[in-house]
């Protein structure tokens, strides 16, 4: 695997701030000419340092104001049970993030819905019915101070 140098790290940092930056602007920002910058960017993508580009959207404008974090405890943490949970959680669009946690519970989910009533339906009809779920605890976000 390639060792990142200061130019590679600068390319990554610049693209994290503005993923739509042109190669010319990127090259100027990191202090390289266009061709070497383009070669480095391609290598960073090929080697998996940069995995893709996305648009950050205003979820409030989309009507998705309600954010909750959900602690999930499973009945079993066998490889088979974890794989089943992991596969099933990926099918629920309301779950923005899912993290396996080393704690007194097994997973922490970030769930985004339009309101509390919709969240309650997602919890009762989707999350609680995921494979091996025995307990959930919800923490409702009052204000997002830093979201990315």
Protein backbone atom coordinates (compact mmCIF):
# COMPACT_ATOMS: atom_id res chain seq x y z
CA UNK A 1 0.00 0.00 0.00
CA UNK A 2 1.18 3.48 -0.83
CA UNK A 3 2.27 5.80 1.98
CA UNK A 4 0.45 9.13 1.91
CA UNK A 5 2.58 12.26 1.74
CA UNK A 6 1.62 15.87 2.47
CA UNK A 7 0.24 16.43 -1.05
CA UNK A 8 -1.99 13.35 -0.82
CA UNK A 9 -3.29 14.46 2.57
CA UNK A 10 -3.87 17.97 1.23
CA UNK A 11 -5.86 16.55 -1.72
CA UNK A 12 -8.04 14.54 0.64
CA UNK A 13 -8.59 17.51 2.97
CA UNK A 14 -9.46 19.85 0.10
CA UNK A 15 -11.95 17.40 -1.40
CA UNK A 16 -13.58 16.87 1.99
CA UNK A 17 -14.31 20.59 2.04
CA UNK A 18 -15.42 20.79 -1.61
CA UNK A 19 -15.87 17.54 -3.51
CA UNK A 20 -16.92 19.42 -6.67
CA UNK A 21 -13.63 21.28 -6.92
CA UNK A 22 -12.13 21.21 -10.43
CA UNK A 23 -8.78 19.53 -10.91
CA UNK A 24 -7.24 22.92 -11.71
CA UNK A 25 -8.54 24.45 -8.46
CA UNK A 26 -7.49 21.33 -6.52
CA UNK A 27 -3.99 21.47 -8.00
CA UNK A 28 -3.66 25.16 -7.08
CA UNK A 29 -4.95 24.50 -3.56
CA UNK A 30 -2.44 21.73 -2.86
CA UNK A 31 0.51 23.31 -4.69
CA UNK A 32 0.83 20.93 -7.64
CA UNK A 33 0.43 21.25 -11.38
CA UNK A 34 -2.65 19.71 -13.02
CA UNK A 35 -1.22 16.42 -14.29
CA UNK A 36 0.53 15.28 -11.08
CA UNK A 37 -2.56 16.27 -9.11
CA UNK A 38 -4.81 14.27 -11.42
CA UNK A 39 -2.48 11.25 -11.19
CA UNK A 40 -2.47 11.43 -7.38
CA UNK A 41 -6.25 11.78 -7.24
CA UNK A 42 -6.71 8.74 -9.48
CA UNK A 43 -4.30 6.71 -7.32
CA UNK A 44 -6.09 7.78 -4.12
CA UNK A 45 -9.36 6.53 -5.64
CA UNK A 46 -7.89 3.28 -6.98
CA UNK A 47 -6.26 2.46 -3.64
CA UNK A 48 -9.46 3.13 -1.71
CA UNK A 49 -8.42 6.25 0.19
CA UNK A 50 -11.20 8.14 -1.60
CA UNK A 51 -14.23 5.89 -1.91
CA UNK A 52 -16.67 8.23 -3.61
CA UNK A 53 -18.27 11.64 -3.77
CA UNK A 54 -21.65 12.63 -2.37
CA UNK A 55 -23.91 15.65 -2.10
CA UNK A 56 -24.59 16.87 1.42
CA UNK A 57 -28.24 17.82 1.64
CA UNK A 58 -30.28 19.86 4.08
CA UNK A 59 -32.39 17.16 5.73
CA UNK A 60 -34.64 19.76 7.38
CA UNK A 61 -35.62 21.15 3.97
CA UNK A 62 -36.46 17.58 2.96
CA UNK A 63 -38.82 17.30 5.94
CA UNK A 64 -36.58 14.97 7.93
CA UNK A 65 -36.30 16.99 11.14
CA UNK A 66 -36.41 14.20 13.72
CA UNK A 67 -33.14 12.52 14.69
CA UNK A 68 -32.82 9.77 17.25
CA UNK A 69 -30.00 7.51 18.36
CA UNK A 70 -31.04 4.00 19.23
CA UNK A 71 -29.10 1.57 21.39
CA UNK A 72 -29.81 -1.98 20.24
CA UNK A 73 -29.12 -5.11 22.26
CA UNK A 74 -29.18 -8.49 20.53
CA UNK A 75 -30.11 -11.83 22.05
CA UNK A 76 -27.01 -13.37 20.50
CA UNK A 77 -23.74 -12.00 19.23
CA UNK A 78 -22.71 -15.09 17.31
CA UNK A 79 -21.26 -14.48 13.86
CA UNK A 80 -24.48 -15.74 12.30
CA UNK A 81 -26.66 -13.42 14.42
CA UNK A 82 -24.46 -10.40 13.71
CA UNK A 83 -24.45 -11.12 9.98
CA UNK A 84 -28.24 -11.43 9.94
CA UNK A 85 -28.67 -8.15 11.82
CA UNK A 86 -26.12 -6.35 9.63
CA UNK A 87 -27.82 -7.49 6.43
CA UNK A 88 -31.30 -6.58 7.65
CA UNK A 89 -30.37 -3.14 9.00
CA UNK A 90 -29.10 -2.20 5.55
CA UNK A 91 -32.61 -2.50 4.15
CA UNK A 92 -34.09 0.25 6.34
CA UNK A 93 -33.69 3.64 4.65
CA UNK A 94 -34.58 5.55 7.85
CA UNK A 95 -31.36 4.28 9.47
CA UNK A 96 -28.61 6.69 8.43
CA UNK A 97 -25.83 5.02 10.39
CA UNK A 98 -25.27 1.72 12.16
CA UNK A 99 -22.26 1.06 14.37
CA UNK A 100 -21.30 -2.06 16.31
CA UNK A 101 -20.31 -0.85 19.77
CA UNK A 102 -18.11 -2.30 22.50
CA UNK A 103 -20.41 -1.47 25.42
CA UNK A 104 -23.31 -2.85 27.44
CA UNK A 105 -25.33 -2.86 24.19
CA UNK A 106 -24.40 -4.11 20.73
CA UNK A 107 -25.28 -1.45 18.15
CA UNK A 108 -25.88 2.29 17.97
CA UNK A 109 -28.17 3.48 15.17
CA UNK A 110 -28.74 7.00 13.91
CA UNK A 111 -32.32 7.21 12.69
CA UNK A 112 -33.80 10.15 10.81
CA UNK A 113 -37.55 10.56 10.25
CA UNK A 114 -40.00 13.39 9.68
CA UNK A 115 -41.42 13.44 13.22
CA UNK A 116 -41.90 11.49 16.44
CA UNK A 117 -44.95 9.61 15.16
CA UNK A 118 -43.02 8.40 12.13
CA UNK A 119 -40.06 7.48 14.33
CA UNK A 120 -42.35 5.46 16.60
CA UNK A 121 -43.60 3.50 13.58
CA UNK A 122 -40.04 2.87 12.34
CA UNK A 123 -39.00 1.68 15.80
CA UNK A 124 -42.01 -0.57 16.33
CA UNK A 125 -42.44 -1.96 12.83
CA UNK A 126 -38.86 -2.08 11.54
CA UNK A 127 -36.08 -1.77 14.13
CA UNK A 128 -37.70 -3.89 16.83
CA UNK A 129 -38.36 -6.64 14.31
CA UNK A 130 -34.76 -6.88 13.08
CA UNK A 131 -33.16 -10.29 13.64
CA UNK A 132 -32.14 -11.06 17.24
CA UNK A 133 -33.19 -7.67 18.70
CA UNK A 134 -34.24 -8.01 22.35
CA UNK A 135 -34.00 -4.43 23.59
CA UNK A 136 -33.79 -0.87 22.32
CA UNK A 137 -33.30 2.47 24.02
CA UNK A 138 -33.95 5.76 22.24
CA UNK A 139 -32.19 9.10 22.66
CA UNK A 140 -33.88 11.96 20.81
CA UNK A 141 -31.68 14.76 19.45
CA UNK A 142 -32.78 18.21 20.60
CA UNK A 143 -30.23 20.12 18.50
CA UNK A 144 -27.41 19.09 16.15
CA UNK A 145 -24.38 21.18 17.02
CA UNK A 146 -21.99 19.47 14.59
CA UNK A 147 -23.32 17.00 12.07
CA UNK A 148 -20.29 16.17 9.86
